[in-house]
Amino acid sequence: MRRPALALFFISAMVTTAVAQPSLTPISDPETPPIPVAPVVSEKSEVVATGLAFGTTLGGFGLIALGASLHSGVVGTLGGAAMFVGPSAGHIYAGENGHAVGMTLLRGAGAATFLYGLMTDTIVADGPREYSQHPSARPLMVLGAAVFLGGTLYDMFDAHRAVRRANAENAVVVAPMISAQSAGVAVAGSF
């Protein structure tokens, strides 16, 4: 009986604190700072981008209608600004600011072309007329409306693709690689 008890005593006396390390990871020195890990890039939501594009545009039309019913030029102007910039709100969210500016300017050019055609068609020096005698007035109105509506619809339905493009651009990950024999860096991503 004494031998098992004596053996158990010696075994328990030799036991020290266990040090657990993940496999292939060298034992770390407490004075060595930890290895920084690559930041996690959060993905942007396609639903949010599309919601911003549709919501801001429809909100702009609503503000214009509200401004007209309240006889408020300020509310109508805010609505007009939202109507021009709103379809590009999803691209702004995705980080495509240059695209947003370009398409907003394109919509502005379409609206200006439409208004020029309308003024050419209806305003003359001696008063309004019932029919147009200027042959380019109606084609200018159609062209302007088509450019404005085409640019608006394109931006609204391309917002989710803008987010996909932005997420694909940010898909590069840099991570440390450490083994018992060496240390290095791993780069992964979509190219």
C-alpha atoms as a PDB file:
ATOM      1  CA  MET A   1       0.000   0.000   0.000  1.00  0.00           C
ATOM      2  CA  ARG A   2       2.899   2.260   0.653  1.00  0.00           C
ATOM      3  CA  ARG A   3       4.331   2.036  -2.854  1.00  0.00           C
ATOM      4  CA  PRO A   4       1.241   3.398  -4.702  1.00  0.00           C
ATOM      5  CA  ALA A   5       0.857   6.189  -2.154  1.00  0.00           C
ATOM      6  CA  LEU A   6       4.544   7.058  -2.405  1.00  0.00           C
ATOM      7  CA  ALA A   7       4.377   7.022  -6.225  1.00  0.00           C
ATOM      8  CA  LEU A   8       1.299   9.278  -6.187  1.00  0.00           C
ATOM      9  CA  PHE A   9       3.104  11.704  -3.852  1.00  0.00           C
ATOM     10  CA  PHE A  10       6.146  11.955  -6.157  1.00  0.00           C
ATOM     11  CA  ILE A  11       3.996  12.390  -9.268  1.00  0.00           C
ATOM     12  CA  SER A  12       1.961  15.188  -7.671  1.00  0.00           C
ATOM     13  CA  ALA A  13       5.121  16.904  -6.473  1.00  0.00           C
ATOM     14  CA  MET A  14       6.543  16.955 -10.010  1.00  0.00           C
ATOM     15  CA  VAL A  15       3.388  18.396 -11.628  1.00  0.00           C
ATOM     16  CA  THR A  16       3.747  22.031 -12.680  1.00  0.00           C
ATOM     17  CA  THR A  17       1.395  24.479 -14.331  1.00  0.00           C
ATOM     18  CA  ALA A  18       0.499  23.352 -17.832  1.00  0.00           C
ATOM     19  CA  VAL A  19       1.218  25.690 -20.720  1.00  0.00           C
ATOM     20  CA  ALA A  20      -1.180  25.201 -23.602  1.00  0.00           C
ATOM     21  CA  GLN A  21      -0.292  26.592 -27.003  1.00  0.00           C
ATOM     22  CA  PRO A  22      -2.172  26.217 -30.274  1.00  0.00           C
ATOM     23  CA  SER A  23      -0.419  23.907 -32.685  1.00  0.00           C
ATOM     24  CA  LEU A  24       2.362  25.399 -34.822  1.00  0.00           C
ATOM     25  CA  THR A  25       2.562  28.472 -32.608  1.00  0.00           C
ATOM     26  CA  PRO A  26       5.834  29.123 -30.766  1.00  0.00           C
ATOM     27  CA  ILE A  27       5.704  29.853 -27.065  1.00  0.00           C
ATOM     28  CA  SER A  28       5.335  33.597 -26.705  1.00  0.00           C
ATOM     29  CA  ASP A  29       7.538  35.763 -24.574  1.00  0.00           C
ATOM     30  CA  PRO A  30       5.537  38.005 -22.205  1.00  0.00           C
ATOM     31  CA  GLU A  31       7.786  40.954 -23.062  1.00  0.00           C
ATOM     32  CA  THR A  32       7.142  40.628 -26.809  1.00  0.00           C
ATOM     33  CA  PRO A  33       4.181  42.705 -28.019  1.00  0.00           C
ATOM     34  CA  PRO A  34       1.373  40.760 -29.685  1.00  0.00           C
ATOM     35  CA  ILE A  35       1.333  40.476 -33.469  1.00  0.00           C
ATOM     36  CA  PRO A  36      -1.215  42.876 -34.978  1.00  0.00           C
ATOM     37  CA  VAL A  37      -4.036  41.264 -36.905  1.00  0.00           C
ATOM     38  CA  ALA A  38      -5.317  42.729 -40.169  1.00  0.00           C
ATOM     39  CA  PRO A  39      -8.399  44.917 -39.725  1.00  0.00           C
ATOM     40  CA  VAL A  40     -11.703  43.430 -40.749  1.00  0.00           C
ATOM     41  CA  VAL A  41     -13.289  45.354 -43.615  1.00  0.00           C
ATOM     42  CA  SER A  42     -17.032  45.444 -43.183  1.00  0.00           C
ATOM     43  CA  GLU A  43     -19.111  44.883 -46.276  1.00  0.00           C
ATOM     44  CA  LYS A  44     -21.667  47.442 -47.351  1.00  0.00           C
ATOM     45  CA  SER A  45     -25.264  46.406 -47.824  1.00  0.00           C
ATOM     46  CA  GLU A  46     -26.875  46.264 -51.274  1.00  0.00           C
ATOM     47  CA  VAL A  47     -30.301  46.719 -49.692  1.00  0.00           C
ATOM     48  CA  VAL A  48     -29.227  49.937 -47.962  1.00  0.00           C
ATOM     49  CA  ALA A  49     -27.797  51.352 -51.207  1.00  0.00           C
ATOM     50  CA  THR A  50     -30.961  50.589 -53.170  1.00  0.00           C
ATOM     51  CA  GLY A  51     -33.138  51.919 -50.347  1.00  0.00           C
ATOM     52  CA  LEU A  52     -31.173  55.168 -50.266  1.00  0.00           C
ATOM     53  CA  ALA A  53     -31.488  55.623 -54.039  1.00  0.00           C
ATOM     54  CA  PHE A  54     -35.234  54.951 -54.155  1.00  0.00           C
ATOM     55  CA  GLY A  55     -36.084  56.608 -50.840  1.00  0.00           C
ATOM     56  CA  THR A  56     -34.217  59.848 -51.465  1.00  0.00           C
ATOM     57  CA  THR A  57     -35.632  60.157 -54.982  1.00  0.00           C
ATOM     58  CA  LEU A  58     -39.221  59.500 -53.938  1.00  0.00           C
ATOM     59  CA  GLY A  59     -38.737  61.756 -50.927  1.00  0.00           C
ATOM     60  CA  GLY A  60     -37.610  64.529 -53.284  1.00  0.00           C
ATOM     61  CA  PHE A  61     -40.777  64.209 -55.365  1.00  0.00           C
ATOM     62  CA  GLY A  62     -42.785  64.233 -52.137  1.00  0.00           C
ATOM     63  CA  LEU A  63     -41.042  67.389 -50.913  1.00  0.00           C
ATOM     64  CA  ILE A  64     -41.746  69.113 -54.223  1.00  0.00           C
ATOM     65  CA  ALA A  65     -45.442  68.257 -53.902  1.00  0.00           C
ATOM     66  CA  LEU A  66     -45.469  69.374 -50.261  1.00  0.00           C
ATOM     67  CA  GLY A  67     -43.714  72.629 -51.139  1.00  0.00           C
ATOM     68  CA  ALA A  68     -46.285  73.309 -53.866  1.00  0.00           C
ATOM     69  CA  SER A  69     -49.213  72.678 -51.527  1.00  0.00           C
ATOM     70  CA  LEU A  70     -47.693  74.825 -48.757  1.00  0.00           C
ATOM     71  CA  HIS A  71     -46.534  77.510 -51.211  1.00  0.00           C
ATOM     72  CA  SER A  72     -43.045  77.069 -49.749  1.00  0.00           C
ATOM     73  CA  GLY A  73     -40.151  77.663 -52.107  1.00  0.00           C
ATOM     74  CA  VAL A  74     -37.638  76.364 -49.570  1.00  0.00           C
ATOM     75  CA  VAL A  75     -39.346  72.962 -49.230  1.00  0.00           C
ATOM     76  CA  GLY A  76     -39.747  72.718 -53.018  1.00  0.00           C
ATOM     77  CA  THR A  77     -36.077  73.577 -53.562  1.00  0.00           C
ATOM     78  CA  LEU A  78     -35.001  70.919 -51.061  1.00  0.00           C
ATOM     79  CA  GLY A  79     -37.204  68.450 -52.905  1.00  0.00           C
ATOM     80  CA  GLY A  80     -35.660  69.421 -56.226  1.00  0.00           C
ATOM     81  CA  ALA A  81     -32.155  68.935 -54.835  1.00  0.00           C
ATOM     82  CA  ALA A  82     -33.129  65.528 -53.420  1.00  0.00           C
ATOM     83  CA  MET A  83     -34.712  64.593 -56.751  1.00  0.00           C
ATOM     84  CA  PHE A  84     -31.477  65.388 -58.639  1.00  0.00           C
ATOM     85  CA  VAL A  85     -28.999  63.890 -56.137  1.00  0.00           C
ATOM     86  CA  GLY A  86     -31.252  61.155 -54.715  1.00  0.00           C
ATOM     87  CA  PRO A  87     -30.842  58.528 -57.436  1.00  0.00           C
ATOM     88  CA  SER A  88     -27.075  58.669 -56.829  1.00  0.00           C
ATOM     89  CA  ALA A  89     -27.377  58.254 -53.045  1.00  0.00           C
ATOM     90  CA  GLY A  90     -26.630  54.534 -53.345  1.00  0.00           C
ATOM     91  CA  HIS A  91     -23.450  55.283 -55.289  1.00  0.00           C
ATOM     92  CA  ILE A  92     -22.403  57.841 -52.673  1.00  0.00           C
ATOM     93  CA  TYR A  93     -22.969  55.176 -49.978  1.00  0.00           C
ATOM     94  CA  ALA A  94     -20.839  52.731 -51.991  1.00  0.00           C
ATOM     95  CA  GLY A  95     -18.045  55.306 -52.338  1.00  0.00           C
ATOM     96  CA  GLU A  96     -18.489  56.070 -56.042  1.00  0.00           C
ATOM     97  CA  ASN A  97     -18.632  59.845 -55.578  1.00  0.00           C
ATOM     98  CA  GLY A  98     -17.328  60.649 -59.065  1.00  0.00           C
ATOM     99  CA  HIS A  99     -20.115  58.590 -60.598  1.00  0.00           C
ATOM    100  CA  ALA A 100     -22.659  60.361 -58.399  1.00  0.00           C
ATOM    101  CA  VAL A 101     -21.462  63.814 -59.471  1.00  0.00           C
ATOM    102  CA  GLY A 102     -21.367  62.862 -63.152  1.00  0.00           C
ATOM    103  CA  MET A 103     -24.866  61.376 -63.165  1.00  0.00           C
ATOM    104  CA  THR A 104     -26.284  64.321 -61.204  1.00  0.00           C
ATOM    105  CA  LEU A 105     -24.813  66.689 -63.797  1.00  0.00           C
ATOM    106  CA  LEU A 106     -26.253  64.509 -66.571  1.00  0.00           C
ATOM    107  CA  ARG A 107     -29.720  64.697 -64.982  1.00  0.00           C
ATOM    108  CA  GLY A 108     -29.305  68.465 -64.672  1.00  0.00           C
ATOM    109  CA  ALA A 109     -28.392  68.725 -68.351  1.00  0.00           C
ATOM    110  CA  GLY A 110     -31.453  66.651 -69.256  1.00  0.00           C
ATOM    111  CA  ALA A 111     -33.716  68.868 -67.178  1.00  0.00           C
ATOM    112  CA  ALA A 112     -32.188  72.025 -68.689  1.00  0.00           C
ATOM    113  CA  THR A 113     -32.689  70.642 -72.222  1.00  0.00           C
ATOM    114  CA  PHE A 114     -36.313  69.818 -71.429  1.00  0.00           C
ATOM    115  CA  LEU A 115     -36.950  73.308 -70.005  1.00  0.00           C
ATOM    116  CA  TYR A 116     -35.279  74.977 -72.993  1.00  0.00           C
ATOM    117  CA  GLY A 117     -37.497  73.000 -75.363  1.00  0.00           C
ATOM    118  CA  LEU A 118     -40.559  73.876 -73.291  1.00  0.00           C
ATOM    119  CA  MET A 119     -39.712  77.564 -73.299  1.00  0.00           C
ATOM    120  CA  THR A 120     -38.996  77.516 -77.043  1.00  0.00           C
ATOM    121  CA  ASP A 121     -42.324  75.787 -77.649  1.00  0.00           C
ATOM    122  CA  THR A 122     -44.551  78.011 -75.498  1.00  0.00           C
ATOM    123  CA  ILE A 123     -42.985  81.431 -75.004  1.00  0.00           C
ATOM    124  CA  VAL A 124     -42.846  84.012 -77.789  1.00  0.00           C
ATOM    125  CA  ALA A 125     -42.448  87.774 -77.774  1.00  0.00           C
ATOM    126  CA  ASP A 126     -46.161  88.472 -78.383  1.00  0.00           C
ATOM    127  CA  GLY A 127     -47.509  85.903 -75.832  1.00  0.00           C
ATOM    128  CA  PRO A 128     -48.172  82.174 -75.613  1.00  0.00           C
ATOM    129  CA  ARG A 129     -49.383  80.368 -78.696  1.00  0.00           C
ATOM    130  CA  GLU A 130     -51.553  77.300 -79.072  1.00  0.00           C
ATOM    131  CA  TYR A 131     -49.172  75.325 -81.286  1.00  0.00           C
ATOM    132  CA  SER A 132     -45.463  75.266 -81.876  1.00  0.00           C
ATOM    133  CA  GLN A 133     -43.934  76.821 -84.942  1.00  0.00           C
ATOM    134  CA  HIS A 134     -40.382  75.994 -83.807  1.00  0.00           C
ATOM    135  CA  PRO A 135     -39.465  72.586 -85.250  1.00  0.00           C
ATOM    136  CA  SER A 136     -36.795  71.675 -82.647  1.00  0.00           C
ATOM    137  CA  ALA A 137     -38.852  72.425 -79.520  1.00  0.00           C
ATOM    138  CA  ARG A 138     -40.615  69.089 -79.056  1.00  0.00           C
ATOM    139  CA  PRO A 139     -37.562  66.923 -79.887  1.00  0.00           C
ATOM    140  CA  LEU A 140     -35.583  68.899 -77.290  1.00  0.00           C
ATOM    141  CA  MET A 141     -38.285  68.218 -74.704  1.00  0.00           C
ATOM    142  CA  VAL A 142     -38.295  64.493 -75.507  1.00  0.00           C
ATOM    143  CA  LEU A 143     -34.492  64.315 -75.456  1.00  0.00           C
ATOM    144  CA  GLY A 144     -34.254  66.149 -72.126  1.00  0.00           C
ATOM    145  CA  ALA A 145     -36.939  64.003 -70.504  1.00  0.00           C
ATOM    146  CA  ALA A 146     -35.309  60.809 -71.814  1.00  0.00           C
ATOM    147  CA  VAL A 147     -31.875  61.807 -70.490  1.00  0.00           C
ATOM    148  CA  PHE A 148     -33.298  62.778 -67.087  1.00  0.00           C
ATOM    149  CA  LEU A 149     -35.429  59.638 -66.704  1.00  0.00           C
ATOM    150  CA  GLY A 150     -32.773  57.333 -68.143  1.00  0.00           C
ATOM    151  CA  GLY A 151     -30.102  58.657 -65.782  1.00  0.00           C
ATOM    152  CA  THR A 152     -32.470  58.449 -62.834  1.00  0.00           C
ATOM    153  CA  LEU A 153     -33.524  54.865 -63.534  1.00  0.00           C
ATOM    154  CA  TYR A 154     -29.969  53.743 -64.264  1.00  0.00           C
ATOM    155  CA  ASP A 155     -28.675  55.097 -60.960  1.00  0.00           C
ATOM    156  CA  MET A 156     -31.552  53.652 -58.972  1.00  0.00           C
ATOM    157  CA  PHE A 157     -31.199  50.166 -60.444  1.00  0.00           C
ATOM    158  CA  ASP A 158     -27.372  50.205 -60.412  1.00  0.00           C
ATOM    159  CA  ALA A 159     -27.031  51.084 -56.705  1.00  0.00           C
ATOM    160  CA  HIS A 160     -26.744  47.451 -55.580  1.00  0.00           C
ATOM    161  CA  ARG A 161     -24.116  46.776 -58.240  1.00  0.00           C
ATOM    162  CA  ALA A 162     -22.112  49.760 -56.992  1.00  0.00           C
ATOM    163  CA  VAL A 163     -21.997  48.133 -53.571  1.00  0.00           C
ATOM    164  CA  ARG A 164     -20.899  44.837 -55.118  1.00  0.00           C
ATOM    165  CA  ARG A 165     -18.075  46.666 -56.909  1.00  0.00           C
ATOM    166  CA  ALA A 166     -17.039  48.417 -53.686  1.00  0.00           C
ATOM    167  CA  ASN A 167     -17.107  45.198 -51.676  1.00  0.00           C
ATOM    168  CA  ALA A 168     -15.060  43.402 -54.345  1.00  0.00           C
ATOM    169  CA  GLU A 169     -12.463  46.200 -54.240  1.00  0.00           C
ATOM    170  CA  ASN A 170     -12.094  45.855 -50.478  1.00  0.00           C
ATOM    171  CA  ALA A 171     -11.784  42.064 -50.492  1.00  0.00           C
ATOM    172  CA  VAL A 172      -7.998  41.986 -49.927  1.00  0.00           C
ATOM    173  CA  VAL A 173      -6.960  40.551 -46.562  1.00  0.00           C
ATOM    174  CA  VAL A 174      -3.463  40.567 -45.090  1.00  0.00           C
ATOM    175  CA  ALA A 175      -2.883  38.147 -42.204  1.00  0.00           C
ATOM    176  CA  PRO A 176       0.184  36.995 -40.247  1.00  0.00           C
ATOM    177  CA  MET A 177       1.398  33.427 -40.778  1.00  0.00           C
ATOM    178  CA  ILE A 178       3.480  31.958 -37.946  1.00  0.00           C
ATOM    179  CA  SER A 179       4.866  28.452 -37.689  1.00  0.00           C
ATOM    180  CA  ALA A 180       7.484  26.765 -35.582  1.00  0.00           C
ATOM    181  CA  GLN A 181      10.035  27.157 -38.394  1.00  0.00           C
ATOM    182  CA  SER A 182       9.196  30.584 -39.871  1.00  0.00           C
ATOM    183  CA  ALA A 183       7.011  33.668 -39.832  1.00  0.00           C
ATOM    184  CA  GLY A 184       5.504  35.586 -42.720  1.00  0.00           C
ATOM    185  CA  VAL A 185       2.509  37.349 -44.174  1.00  0.00           C
ATOM    186  CA  ALA A 186      -0.338  35.899 -46.220  1.00  0.00           C
ATOM    187  CA  VAL A 187      -2.236  38.049 -48.714  1.00  0.00           C
ATOM    188  CA  ALA A 188      -5.616  36.902 -50.023  1.00  0.00           C
ATOM    189  CA  GLY A 189      -8.199  38.705 -52.053  1.00  0.00           C
ATOM    190  CA  SER A 190     -10.104  39.178 -55.280  1.00  0.00           C
ATOM    191  CA  PHE A 191      -8.083  40.513 -58.146  1.00  0.00           C
END
